[in-house]
Each structure stands twice: as C-alpha cells, then as structure tokens.
Amino acid sequence: MRRLVLLPFSLLLAACGYVGDPLPPSLHIPAAVADLRAEQKADRIEIRFTLPALTTDHAGIRRFQDVELTGGAAGSEGRIPLPPAAPGPVTLTVPVADWSGKTVAFRVRSQGARGRWSEWSEASTLAVAAPIPAPEVRAEATARGVRLSWHAAAGATYLIYRASPGEPASTEIGTTTESSFLDTAAAFGQSYSYEVQATGSPRSAPAAITPADTFPPPAPAGLSAVATPDSVQLTWNPVEDDGLAAYQVYRSEAGGGFVRVGGRLLSPNFGDREARPGTAYRYRVTAIDTSGNESAPSEAVSAATP
C-alpha cells in the first residue's frame, strides 16, 4: 500500500512558478537632487547639481518634463531659466546682479514624465560679496621682463593671465597680493596681452605690449692699465649680462675728449699699440648688448707711456 506524501503549500506554489504579488506601476516621481552647490566666482555665481537618473521607486528616468531652479534673497526668490536637461550633471552661471551684499538661497526640483514633481533639494545658501572693481592695468618693459602695475585693493589676491598671438586662450602665469607683477619669462620682440583679476572681481581690460630691448648692460668694472714702451695693456672684469655682445674702448690723449680706439672686442682686454711714447692717456670701456644698447662708461684710468 502506497503512502501519500504531503508537501508544504509554499513548495507547491514555488513549483507552480509563483513569484509574489505583481508590483504597482511606477509613479514616476524623480528622486530629490542631493548635491546642489552655489559658489561665487568674480562677478558671477556658479551653480552645480546632478539631476537624478532614478525615481523614488527606483525606475529609470530618460527625460524630465521640467526642471525648476529658484534663487534669491529671502522673500524675493525667483525662477532661474534652465536649458532642457537630462539626468546627469548640470552647471550654469548667473550674474551677481542685485545680490551684492545679500545672502541668497537656491533650490531645485524636477518634474517626471507623468507630471509629478520631486521634493525640493536642500537649499544652498551663499553670502554674495560685492565684486572688487576690475583693475586698470599698465604694462611696461623693463630690463628683467614686463612689469604690470595697478591700484590694489587691501587684502585682495590677484591672478595674472597672459596671452600671445596664436594661443587659443590666455593662461594663468602667477598670483600676487601686491599692486605689481614682473613677468620675467617675457621675451623682447614678442607681443603679449595681459589681464589681471582679483578674487571675486571681473578681469581687467587687456593690456597689450611688445617689449623692446632698450636697456643697456652694466658698465664694466675693474679697469686697469699698464704702460709699456710700445703699448698700453688694458684689462677689466667680464660683464655679467645674458645679452652681452662686445666691449668698446675709449681713449683720451693729453686731457682731450674720449674717442673710440680699436674695434668691438669679444674679451675683456685690449692692447693699445697706437699709443705714442712719452704721452699721457686716459681710458674707459663700455659694454654693448645684442640689441646695440651701450652701457655707461667704466671709471677712467690713466697711463703714461715711457
């Protein structure tokens, strides 16, 4: 005689493929934005947030019917226009406008495909500072580079930007809290355009310059003269200058004016073989750079041939 085996009801249901009650359709309510941030950058406010990819019941979102962003001081909030947006990061900038010196708050929400709105995001508040006026920048060439100057606001940090012909955009080359900046990387004969911006202010108008080398090298030092029966031998210290090209010797005879003697010299020494016996001379030397700028003369030295 066979025995009947009774299986638990739950196993019978499983054997029949039963997986539970059917899920209700999604309400298509977008999840709330969780990362709204607002930051002042000069005379504009940058707003960033991420629109959700899922609804509150974890259904996917392809599009939104609307995204509403509001901002403003308490009691005067208004809607800020947004371009159509899909799930993902959103960044926009708005002018400081009438918010200088006020605390403003921003909130955002999104509307799903069936017209239901998400919860508002947490408010992002921002104390808006009045932008420092754009500085008026002056550019001038110096022996060491291009010097920029402006009237600086107390406590402000300034960013320096430079552009050259052919560059797609200006690049930041330095910062300072002073009222001037020296661009030692600038080259003579190259055109540049500079802009200066304080943190929390608009950029200055461009200051254009093509620096020219009109700056002579230092005057030679250490000149000495030794007279011999047939010449006067001159030596001096080498001039330290990146653009040094040559030296020039000048001679005065019997108290007269200085005139050039010899050609341009590549080394710091010279033998004056035109000196006449029994004559008193004075000498001085200059340095000349690759742009043709001539230094001030060295201290004069005297020599008398025997």
C-alpha atoms as a PDB file:
ATOM      1  CA  MET A   1       0.000   0.000   0.000  1.00  0.00           C
ATOM      2  CA  ARG A   2       1.465   3.381  -1.070  1.00  0.00           C
ATOM      3  CA  ARG A   3       1.761   6.340   1.284  1.00  0.00           C
ATOM      4  CA  LEU A   4       0.803   9.820   0.255  1.00  0.00           C
ATOM      5  CA  VAL A   5       3.446  12.459   0.840  1.00  0.00           C
ATOM      6  CA  LEU A   6       2.097  15.939   1.597  1.00  0.00           C
ATOM      7  CA  LEU A   7       4.350  18.780   0.511  1.00  0.00           C
ATOM      8  CA  PRO A   8       4.279  22.168   2.199  1.00  0.00           C
ATOM      9  CA  PHE A   9       1.975  24.633   0.467  1.00  0.00           C
ATOM     10  CA  SER A  10       4.841  27.077  -0.108  1.00  0.00           C
ATOM     11  CA  LEU A  11       6.763  24.474  -2.070  1.00  0.00           C
ATOM     12  CA  LEU A  12       3.755  23.702  -4.188  1.00  0.00           C
ATOM     13  CA  LEU A  13       3.425  27.392  -5.010  1.00  0.00           C
ATOM     14  CA  ALA A  14       7.099  27.583  -5.926  1.00  0.00           C
ATOM     15  CA  ALA A  15       6.761  24.546  -8.140  1.00  0.00           C
ATOM     16  CA  CYS A  16       3.982  26.324  -9.986  1.00  0.00           C
ATOM     17  CA  GLY A  17       6.241  29.372 -10.683  1.00  0.00           C
ATOM     18  CA  TYR A  18       4.518  31.794  -8.286  1.00  0.00           C
ATOM     19  CA  VAL A  19       6.753  34.830  -7.553  1.00  0.00           C
ATOM     20  CA  GLY A  20       4.565  37.025  -5.418  1.00  0.00           C
ATOM     21  CA  ASP A  21       2.060  39.793  -5.955  1.00  0.00           C
ATOM     22  CA  PRO A  22       2.574  41.988  -9.042  1.00  0.00           C
ATOM     23  CA  LEU A  23       4.316  45.342  -8.426  1.00  0.00           C
ATOM     24  CA  PRO A  24       2.281  48.524  -8.860  1.00  0.00           C
ATOM     25  CA  PRO A  25       3.279  50.754 -11.792  1.00  0.00           C
ATOM     26  CA  SER A  26       5.910  53.436 -11.086  1.00  0.00           C
ATOM     27  CA  LEU A  27       4.588  56.833 -10.044  1.00  0.00           C
ATOM     28  CA  HIS A  28       7.499  58.426 -11.936  1.00  0.00           C
ATOM     29  CA  ILE A  29       8.398  60.789  -9.114  1.00  0.00           C
ATOM     30  CA  PRO A  30      12.057  61.794  -9.549  1.00  0.00           C
ATOM     31  CA  ALA A  31      14.377  61.463  -6.574  1.00  0.00           C
ATOM     32  CA  ALA A  32      15.374  64.765  -4.992  1.00  0.00           C
ATOM     33  CA  VAL A  33      18.630  66.445  -6.023  1.00  0.00           C
ATOM     34  CA  ALA A  34      21.179  65.828  -3.266  1.00  0.00           C
ATOM     35  CA  ASP A  35      24.256  67.834  -4.308  1.00  0.00           C
ATOM     36  CA  LEU A  36      23.145  71.391  -5.120  1.00  0.00           C
ATOM     37  CA  ARG A  37      26.067  73.829  -4.668  1.00  0.00           C
ATOM     38  CA  ALA A  38      26.448  77.554  -5.389  1.00  0.00           C
ATOM     39  CA  GLU A  39      29.805  79.384  -5.457  1.00  0.00           C
ATOM     40  CA  GLN A  40      30.664  82.980  -6.280  1.00  0.00           C
ATOM     41  CA  LYS A  41      33.325  83.425  -8.946  1.00  0.00           C
ATOM     42  CA  ALA A  42      34.148  87.082  -9.552  1.00  0.00           C
ATOM     43  CA  ASP A  43      31.005  88.840 -10.766  1.00  0.00           C
ATOM     44  CA  ARG A  44      29.093  85.611 -11.405  1.00  0.00           C
ATOM     45  CA  ILE A  45      27.659  82.732  -9.360  1.00  0.00           C
ATOM     46  CA  GLU A  46      28.300  79.165 -10.488  1.00  0.00           C
ATOM     47  CA  ILE A  47      25.526  76.675  -9.678  1.00  0.00           C
ATOM     48  CA  ARG A  48      26.107  72.918  -9.906  1.00  0.00           C
ATOM     49  CA  PHE A  49      23.844  69.933  -9.283  1.00  0.00           C
ATOM     50  CA  THR A  50      23.122  66.431 -10.578  1.00  0.00           C
ATOM     51  CA  LEU A  51      19.672  65.525 -11.908  1.00  0.00           C
ATOM     52  CA  PRO A  52      18.622  62.040 -10.761  1.00  0.00           C
ATOM     53  CA  ALA A  53      18.655  59.002 -13.013  1.00  0.00           C
ATOM     54  CA  LEU A  54      16.062  57.142 -10.899  1.00  0.00           C
ATOM     55  CA  THR A  55      12.613  57.758  -9.492  1.00  0.00           C
ATOM     56  CA  THR A  56      11.752  57.332  -5.831  1.00  0.00           C
ATOM     57  CA  ASP A  57      10.730  53.747  -6.576  1.00  0.00           C
ATOM     58  CA  HIS A  58      13.967  53.058  -8.483  1.00  0.00           C
ATOM     59  CA  ALA A  59      12.595  53.211 -12.008  1.00  0.00           C
ATOM     60  CA  GLY A  60      14.878  54.717 -14.637  1.00  0.00           C
ATOM     61  CA  ILE A  61      14.423  58.281 -15.895  1.00  0.00           C
ATOM     62  CA  ARG A  62      15.020  59.211 -19.524  1.00  0.00           C
ATOM     63  CA  ARG A  63      13.740  62.768 -19.536  1.00  0.00           C
ATOM     64  CA  PHE A  64      12.076  65.415 -17.422  1.00  0.00           C
ATOM     65  CA  GLN A  65       9.039  67.450 -18.246  1.00  0.00           C
ATOM     66  CA  ASP A  66      10.545  70.370 -16.370  1.00  0.00           C
ATOM     67  CA  VAL A  67      13.377  71.345 -14.019  1.00  0.00           C
ATOM     68  CA  GLU A  68      12.730  74.278 -11.685  1.00  0.00           C
ATOM     69  CA  LEU A  69      15.632  76.195 -10.157  1.00  0.00           C
ATOM     70  CA  THR A  70      14.900  79.126  -7.853  1.00  0.00           C
ATOM     71  CA  GLY A  71      17.216  81.612  -6.206  1.00  0.00           C
ATOM     72  CA  GLY A  72      17.329  84.936  -4.450  1.00  0.00           C
ATOM     73  CA  ALA A  73      17.293  86.684  -1.112  1.00  0.00           C
ATOM     74  CA  ALA A  74      14.643  85.705   1.441  1.00  0.00           C
ATOM     75  CA  GLY A  75      11.218  86.862   0.280  1.00  0.00           C
ATOM     76  CA  SER A  76      12.341  87.666  -3.252  1.00  0.00           C
ATOM     77  CA  GLU A  77      13.203  84.256  -4.700  1.00  0.00           C
ATOM     78  CA  GLY A  78      12.553  83.822  -8.390  1.00  0.00           C
ATOM     79  CA  ARG A  79      12.844  81.168 -11.040  1.00  0.00           C
ATOM     80  CA  ILE A  80      16.172  80.941 -12.877  1.00  0.00           C
ATOM     81  CA  PRO A  81      15.884  79.812 -16.514  1.00  0.00           C
ATOM     82  CA  LEU A  82      17.465  76.486 -17.385  1.00  0.00           C
ATOM     83  CA  PRO A  83      18.022  74.827 -20.764  1.00  0.00           C
ATOM     84  CA  PRO A  84      16.432  71.374 -21.241  1.00  0.00           C
ATOM     85  CA  ALA A  85      18.383  68.859 -19.197  1.00  0.00           C
ATOM     86  CA  ALA A  86      18.655  65.075 -18.957  1.00  0.00           C
ATOM     87  CA  PRO A  87      19.754  63.023 -15.946  1.00  0.00           C
ATOM     88  CA  GLY A  88      23.329  63.888 -15.008  1.00  0.00           C
ATOM     89  CA  PRO A  89      25.480  66.895 -14.014  1.00  0.00           C
ATOM     90  CA  VAL A  90      24.218  70.424 -14.654  1.00  0.00           C
ATOM     91  CA  THR A  91      26.363  73.588 -14.431  1.00  0.00           C
ATOM     92  CA  LEU A  92      25.289  77.141 -15.104  1.00  0.00           C
ATOM     93  CA  THR A  93      26.398  80.631 -14.146  1.00  0.00           C
ATOM     94  CA  VAL A  94      24.266  83.630 -13.294  1.00  0.00           C
ATOM     95  CA  PRO A  95      25.354  87.247 -12.748  1.00  0.00           C
ATOM     96  CA  VAL A  96      25.665  88.620  -9.241  1.00  0.00           C
ATOM     97  CA  ALA A  97      23.247  91.316 -10.414  1.00  0.00           C
ATOM     98  CA  ASP A  98      21.335  92.825  -7.476  1.00  0.00           C
ATOM     99  CA  TRP A  99      22.516  90.272  -4.900  1.00  0.00           C
ATOM    100  CA  SER A 100      25.742  92.007  -3.831  1.00  0.00           C
ATOM    101  CA  GLY A 101      25.978  92.134  -0.051  1.00  0.00           C
ATOM    102  CA  LYS A 102      22.994  89.806   0.403  1.00  0.00           C
ATOM    103  CA  THR A 103      22.591  86.187   1.440  1.00  0.00           C
ATOM    104  CA  VAL A 104      20.809  84.225  -1.258  1.00  0.00           C
ATOM    105  CA  ALA A 105      19.439  80.683  -1.337  1.00  0.00           C
ATOM    106  CA  PHE A 106      18.999  78.291  -4.255  1.00  0.00           C
ATOM    107  CA  ARG A 107      16.736  75.218  -4.551  1.00  0.00           C
ATOM    108  CA  VAL A 108      15.954  72.851  -7.393  1.00  0.00           C
ATOM    109  CA  ARG A 109      13.352  70.185  -8.194  1.00  0.00           C
ATOM    110  CA  SER A 110      12.436  68.139 -11.263  1.00  0.00           C
ATOM    111  CA  GLN A 111       9.173  67.004 -12.848  1.00  0.00           C
ATOM    112  CA  GLY A 112       8.826  63.421 -14.059  1.00  0.00           C
ATOM    113  CA  ALA A 113       7.290  62.068 -17.247  1.00  0.00           C
ATOM    114  CA  ARG A 114       3.814  61.889 -15.681  1.00  0.00           C
ATOM    115  CA  GLY A 115       3.874  65.406 -14.316  1.00  0.00           C
ATOM    116  CA  ARG A 116       4.737  64.611 -10.722  1.00  0.00           C
ATOM    117  CA  TRP A 117       7.361  66.793  -9.024  1.00  0.00           C
ATOM    118  CA  SER A 118      10.230  65.632  -6.898  1.00  0.00           C
ATOM    119  CA  GLU A 119      10.847  67.003  -3.431  1.00  0.00           C
ATOM    120  CA  TRP A 120      12.811  70.245  -3.319  1.00  0.00           C
ATOM    121  CA  SER A 121      16.523  69.877  -2.789  1.00  0.00           C
ATOM    122  CA  GLU A 122      18.149  71.192   0.350  1.00  0.00           C
ATOM    123  CA  ALA A 123      18.754  74.922  -0.050  1.00  0.00           C
ATOM    124  CA  SER A 124      22.284  76.051  -0.936  1.00  0.00           C
ATOM    125  CA  THR A 125      22.894  79.441   0.693  1.00  0.00           C
ATOM    126  CA  LEU A 126      25.576  81.911  -0.315  1.00  0.00           C
ATOM    127  CA  ALA A 127      26.681  85.259   1.118  1.00  0.00           C
ATOM    128  CA  VAL A 128      27.330  87.284  -2.029  1.00  0.00           C
ATOM    129  CA  ALA A 129      30.255  89.705  -1.823  1.00  0.00           C
ATOM    130  CA  ALA A 130      30.337  92.895  -3.838  1.00  0.00           C
ATOM    131  CA  PRO A 131      32.856  92.292  -6.627  1.00  0.00           C
ATOM    132  CA  ILE A 132      36.087  94.288  -6.450  1.00  0.00           C
ATOM    133  CA  PRO A 133      36.192  96.598  -9.491  1.00  0.00           C
ATOM    134  CA  ALA A 134      38.290  95.331 -12.377  1.00  0.00           C
ATOM    135  CA  PRO A 135      41.805  96.807 -12.053  1.00  0.00           C
ATOM    136  CA  GLU A 136      43.211  99.200 -14.646  1.00  0.00           C
ATOM    137  CA  VAL A 137      46.474  97.581 -15.667  1.00  0.00           C
ATOM    138  CA  ARG A 138      49.583  99.261 -17.081  1.00  0.00           C
ATOM    139  CA  ALA A 139      52.280  97.190 -18.827  1.00  0.00           C
ATOM    140  CA  GLU A 140      55.839  98.407 -19.323  1.00  0.00           C
ATOM    141  CA  ALA A 141      59.053  96.817 -20.483  1.00  0.00           C
ATOM    142  CA  THR A 142      61.977  96.551 -18.061  1.00  0.00           C
ATOM    143  CA  ALA A 143      65.428  95.024 -18.352  1.00  0.00           C
ATOM    144  CA  ARG A 144      64.186  91.928 -16.478  1.00  0.00           C
ATOM    145  CA  GLY A 145      60.808  91.458 -18.172  1.00  0.00           C
ATOM    146  CA  VAL A 146      57.344  93.017 -18.468  1.00  0.00           C
ATOM    147  CA  ARG A 147      56.169  94.837 -15.354  1.00  0.00           C
ATOM    148  CA  LEU A 148      52.411  95.110 -14.704  1.00  0.00           C
ATOM    149  CA  SER A 149      51.033  97.626 -12.218  1.00  0.00           C
ATOM    150  CA  TRP A 150      47.591  98.625 -10.917  1.00  0.00           C
ATOM    151  CA  HIS A 151      45.881 100.014  -7.823  1.00  0.00           C
ATOM    152  CA  ALA A 152      45.376  97.046  -5.493  1.00  0.00           C
ATOM    153  CA  ALA A 153      42.510  96.641  -3.036  1.00  0.00           C
ATOM    154  CA  ALA A 154      43.542  95.866   0.538  1.00  0.00           C
ATOM    155  CA  GLY A 155      43.629  92.136   1.251  1.00  0.00           C
ATOM    156  CA  ALA A 156      42.871  91.113  -2.347  1.00  0.00           C
ATOM    157  CA  THR A 157      44.706  88.337  -4.180  1.00  0.00           C
ATOM    158  CA  TYR A 158      45.269  88.976  -7.883  1.00  0.00           C
ATOM    159  CA  LEU A 159      45.552  86.392 -10.653  1.00  0.00           C
ATOM    160  CA  ILE A 160      47.747  87.249 -13.657  1.00  0.00           C
ATOM    161  CA  TYR A 161      46.856  85.999 -17.151  1.00  0.00           C
ATOM    162  CA  ARG A 162      48.946  86.248 -20.332  1.00  0.00           C
ATOM    163  CA  ALA A 163      48.183  85.545 -23.996  1.00  0.00           C
ATOM    164  CA  SER A 164      50.361  85.640 -27.111  1.00  0.00           C
ATOM    165  CA  PRO A 165      49.380  85.669 -30.797  1.00  0.00           C
ATOM    166  CA  GLY A 166      48.474  82.179 -31.940  1.00  0.00           C
ATOM    167  CA  GLU A 167      47.477  80.961 -28.480  1.00  0.00           C
ATOM    168  CA  PRO A 168      43.837  79.828 -28.198  1.00  0.00           C
ATOM    169  CA  ALA A 169      43.340  81.424 -24.778  1.00  0.00           C
ATOM    170  CA  SER A 170      45.155  83.255 -22.024  1.00  0.00           C
ATOM    171  CA  THR A 171      46.843  81.230 -19.295  1.00  0.00           C
ATOM    172  CA  GLU A 172      47.440  81.994 -15.642  1.00  0.00           C
ATOM    173  CA  ILE A 173      51.103  82.804 -15.013  1.00  0.00           C
ATOM    174  CA  GLY A 174      51.106  83.877 -11.368  1.00  0.00           C
ATOM    175  CA  THR A 175      49.387  85.399  -8.349  1.00  0.00           C
ATOM    176  CA  THR A 176      50.210  88.296  -6.052  1.00  0.00           C
ATOM    177  CA  THR A 177      48.778  90.354  -3.220  1.00  0.00           C
ATOM    178  CA  GLU A 178      50.856  93.351  -4.313  1.00  0.00           C
ATOM    179  CA  SER A 179      49.997  96.109  -6.786  1.00  0.00           C
ATOM    180  CA  SER A 180      52.522  94.931  -9.390  1.00  0.00           C
ATOM    181  CA  PHE A 181      53.839  91.784 -11.040  1.00  0.00           C
ATOM    182  CA  LEU A 182      57.012  91.150 -13.059  1.00  0.00           C
ATOM    183  CA  ASP A 183      56.804  88.627 -15.908  1.00  0.00           C
ATOM    184  CA  THR A 184      60.429  87.538 -16.136  1.00  0.00           C
ATOM    185  CA  ALA A 185      59.577  84.959 -18.825  1.00  0.00           C
ATOM    186  CA  ALA A 186      58.576  87.633 -21.362  1.00  0.00           C
ATOM    187  CA  ALA A 187      60.900  87.923 -24.360  1.00  0.00           C
ATOM    188  CA  PHE A 188      61.862  91.117 -26.145  1.00  0.00           C
ATOM    189  CA  GLY A 189      60.178  91.498 -29.541  1.00  0.00           C
ATOM    190  CA  GLN A 190      57.281  89.157 -28.663  1.00  0.00           C
ATOM    191  CA  SER A 191      53.735  90.549 -28.417  1.00  0.00           C
ATOM    192  CA  TYR A 192      51.736  89.879 -25.245  1.00  0.00           C
ATOM    193  CA  SER A 193      48.330  90.711 -23.823  1.00  0.00           C
ATOM    194  CA  TYR A 194      47.865  90.693 -20.047  1.00  0.00           C
ATOM    195  CA  GLU A 195      44.760  90.582 -17.857  1.00  0.00           C
ATOM    196  CA  VAL A 196      44.590  90.865 -14.067  1.00  0.00           C
ATOM    197  CA  GLN A 197      41.725  89.648 -11.896  1.00  0.00           C
ATOM    198  CA  ALA A 198      41.144  89.904  -8.176  1.00  0.00           C
ATOM    199  CA  THR A 199      39.453  87.004  -6.451  1.00  0.00           C
ATOM    200  CA  GLY A 200      35.770  87.935  -6.618  1.00  0.00           C
ATOM    201  CA  SER A 201      36.088  90.527  -9.396  1.00  0.00           C
ATOM    202  CA  PRO A 202      35.895  90.653 -13.177  1.00  0.00           C
ATOM    203  CA  ARG A 203      39.087  90.607 -15.241  1.00  0.00           C
ATOM    204  CA  SER A 204      40.761  93.806 -16.295  1.00  0.00           C
ATOM    205  CA  ALA A 205      40.728  95.045 -19.856  1.00  0.00           C
ATOM    206  CA  PRO A 206      43.674  93.564 -21.792  1.00  0.00           C
ATOM    207  CA  ALA A 207      46.973  95.439 -21.554  1.00  0.00           C
ATOM    208  CA  ALA A 208      48.920  94.817 -24.755  1.00  0.00           C
ATOM    209  CA  ILE A 209      52.668  95.278 -25.151  1.00  0.00           C
ATOM    210  CA  THR A 210      55.527  94.265 -27.432  1.00  0.00           C
ATOM    211  CA  PRO A 211      58.553  94.851 -25.188  1.00  0.00           C
ATOM    212  CA  ALA A 212      61.635  96.258 -26.907  1.00  0.00           C
ATOM    213  CA  ASP A 213      65.159  95.907 -25.565  1.00  0.00           C
ATOM    214  CA  THR A 214      66.280  99.474 -24.868  1.00  0.00           C
ATOM    215  CA  PHE A 215      68.179  98.556 -21.715  1.00  0.00           C
ATOM    216  CA  PRO A 216      71.987  98.667 -21.783  1.00  0.00           C
ATOM    217  CA  PRO A 217      74.142  96.179 -19.895  1.00  0.00           C
ATOM    218  CA  PRO A 218      76.011  97.186 -16.721  1.00  0.00           C
ATOM    219  CA  ALA A 219      79.113  99.317 -17.065  1.00  0.00           C
ATOM    220  CA  PRO A 220      82.376  97.356 -16.933  1.00  0.00           C
ATOM    221  CA  ALA A 221      84.268  97.468 -13.633  1.00  0.00           C
ATOM    222  CA  GLY A 222      87.822  96.813 -12.530  1.00  0.00           C
ATOM    223  CA  LEU A 223      89.545  98.555 -15.464  1.00  0.00           C
ATOM    224  CA  SER A 224      93.331  98.728 -15.158  1.00  0.00           C
ATOM    225  CA  ALA A 225      96.064  99.998 -17.500  1.00  0.00           C
ATOM    226  CA  VAL A 226      99.738  99.064 -17.718  1.00  0.00           C
ATOM    227  CA  ALA A 227     102.010 101.111 -19.998  1.00  0.00           C
ATOM    228  CA  THR A 228     104.940  99.551 -21.868  1.00  0.00           C
ATOM    229  CA  PRO A 229     107.357 101.160 -24.328  1.00  0.00           C
ATOM    230  CA  ASP A 230     105.246 100.132 -27.328  1.00  0.00           C
ATOM    231  CA  SER A 231     101.643  99.844 -26.000  1.00  0.00           C
ATOM    232  CA  VAL A 232      99.191 100.254 -23.143  1.00  0.00           C
ATOM    233  CA  GLN A 233      97.646  96.995 -21.942  1.00  0.00           C
ATOM    234  CA  LEU A 234      94.050  97.230 -20.595  1.00  0.00           C
ATOM    235  CA  THR A 235      92.120  94.584 -18.665  1.00  0.00           C
ATOM    236  CA  TRP A 236      88.740  94.670 -16.850  1.00  0.00           C
ATOM    237  CA  ASN A 237      86.236  92.380 -15.218  1.00  0.00           C
ATOM    238  CA  PRO A 238      83.836  90.481 -17.518  1.00  0.00           C
ATOM    239  CA  VAL A 239      80.302  91.946 -17.577  1.00  0.00           C
ATOM    240  CA  GLU A 240      77.613  89.508 -16.448  1.00  0.00           C
ATOM    241  CA  ASP A 241      74.708  90.044 -18.865  1.00  0.00           C
ATOM    242  CA  ASP A 242      72.800  87.463 -20.920  1.00  0.00           C
ATOM    243  CA  GLY A 243      72.655  89.775 -23.920  1.00  0.00           C
ATOM    244  CA  LEU A 244      76.307  90.891 -23.870  1.00  0.00           C
ATOM    245  CA  ALA A 245      77.772  91.135 -27.383  1.00  0.00           C
ATOM    246  CA  ALA A 246      81.024  93.137 -27.178  1.00  0.00           C
ATOM    247  CA  TYR A 247      83.151  95.783 -25.442  1.00  0.00           C
ATOM    248  CA  GLN A 248      84.316  99.160 -26.727  1.00  0.00           C
ATOM    249  CA  VAL A 249      87.443 101.037 -25.552  1.00  0.00           C
ATOM    250  CA  TYR A 250      87.633 104.849 -25.490  1.00  0.00           C
ATOM    251  CA  ARG A 251      90.858 106.885 -25.163  1.00  0.00           C
ATOM    252  CA  SER A 252      91.659 110.472 -24.200  1.00  0.00           C
ATOM    253  CA  GLU A 253      95.050 111.907 -25.103  1.00  0.00           C
ATOM    254  CA  ALA A 254      96.683 114.747 -23.184  1.00  0.00           C
ATOM    255  CA  GLY A 255      93.437 115.804 -21.489  1.00  0.00           C
ATOM    256  CA  GLY A 256      91.328 115.855 -24.696  1.00  0.00           C
ATOM    257  CA  GLY A 257      87.956 114.227 -25.324  1.00  0.00           C
ATOM    258  CA  PHE A 258      87.413 110.465 -25.387  1.00  0.00           C
ATOM    259  CA  VAL A 259      87.360 108.781 -28.797  1.00  0.00           C
ATOM    260  CA  ARG A 260      86.935 105.152 -29.794  1.00  0.00           C
ATOM    261  CA  VAL A 261      90.018 103.081 -30.342  1.00  0.00           C
ATOM    262  CA  GLY A 262      90.085  99.641 -31.849  1.00  0.00           C
ATOM    263  CA  GLY A 263      87.026  97.688 -32.914  1.00  0.00           C
ATOM    264  CA  ARG A 264      84.452  95.879 -30.838  1.00  0.00           C
ATOM    265  CA  LEU A 265      86.084  93.366 -28.514  1.00  0.00           C
ATOM    266  CA  LEU A 266      84.790  89.949 -27.513  1.00  0.00           C
ATOM    267  CA  SER A 267      87.076  89.521 -24.480  1.00  0.00           C
ATOM    268  CA  PRO A 268      87.765  91.887 -21.517  1.00  0.00           C
ATOM    269  CA  ASN A 269      91.245  93.023 -22.562  1.00  0.00           C
ATOM    270  CA  PHE A 270      92.864  95.317 -25.134  1.00  0.00           C
ATOM    271  CA  GLY A 271      96.382  96.308 -26.182  1.00  0.00           C
ATOM    272  CA  ASP A 272      96.611  99.887 -27.446  1.00  0.00           C
ATOM    273  CA  ARG A 273      99.588  99.669 -29.844  1.00  0.00           C
ATOM    274  CA  GLU A 274      98.857 103.112 -31.264  1.00  0.00           C
ATOM    275  CA  ALA A 275      99.939 104.795 -28.024  1.00  0.00           C
ATOM    276  CA  ARG A 276     102.895 107.138 -28.634  1.00  0.00           C
ATOM    277  CA  PRO A 277     105.927 107.198 -26.341  1.00  0.00           C
ATOM    278  CA  GLY A 278     106.059 109.891 -23.706  1.00  0.00           C
ATOM    279  CA  THR A 279     102.324 110.595 -23.807  1.00  0.00           C
ATOM    280  CA  ALA A 280      99.706 110.602 -21.035  1.00  0.00           C
ATOM    281  CA  TYR A 281      96.459 108.793 -21.767  1.00  0.00           C
ATOM    282  CA  ARG A 282      93.157 108.109 -20.051  1.00  0.00           C
ATOM    283  CA  TYR A 283      90.953 105.110 -20.913  1.00  0.00           C
ATOM    284  CA  ARG A 284      87.453 103.882 -20.224  1.00  0.00           C
ATOM    285  CA  VAL A 285      85.392 100.942 -21.515  1.00  0.00           C
ATOM    286  CA  THR A 286      81.710 100.296 -22.313  1.00  0.00           C
ATOM    287  CA  ALA A 287      79.690  97.091 -22.821  1.00  0.00           C
ATOM    288  CA  ILE A 288      77.324  96.573 -25.784  1.00  0.00           C
ATOM    289  CA  ASP A 289      74.456  94.063 -25.957  1.00  0.00           C
ATOM    290  CA  THR A 290      72.939  92.152 -28.877  1.00  0.00           C
ATOM    291  CA  SER A 291      70.338  94.911 -29.436  1.00  0.00           C
ATOM    292  CA  GLY A 292      73.049  97.540 -29.807  1.00  0.00           C
ATOM    293  CA  ASN A 293      72.479  99.160 -26.399  1.00  0.00           C
ATOM    294  CA  GLU A 294      75.699 100.592 -24.995  1.00  0.00           C
ATOM    295  CA  SER A 295      76.381 100.825 -21.273  1.00  0.00           C
ATOM    296  CA  ALA A 296      77.614 103.784 -19.324  1.00  0.00           C
ATOM    297  CA  PRO A 297      81.414 104.013 -19.376  1.00  0.00           C
ATOM    298  CA  SER A 298      83.601 102.452 -16.746  1.00  0.00           C
ATOM    299  CA  GLU A 299      85.643 104.511 -14.341  1.00  0.00           C
ATOM    300  CA  ALA A 300      88.505 106.093 -16.261  1.00  0.00           C
ATOM    301  CA  VAL A 301      92.121 105.025 -15.658  1.00  0.00           C
ATOM    302  CA  SER A 302      95.358 106.849 -16.580  1.00  0.00           C
ATOM    303  CA  ALA A 303      98.552 105.597 -18.132  1.00  0.00           C
ATOM    304  CA  ALA A 304     101.683 107.367 -19.402  1.00  0.00           C
ATOM    305  CA  THR A 305     103.939 105.677 -21.901  1.00  0.00           C
ATOM    306  CA  PRO A 306     107.708 105.858 -21.207  1.00  0.00           C
END
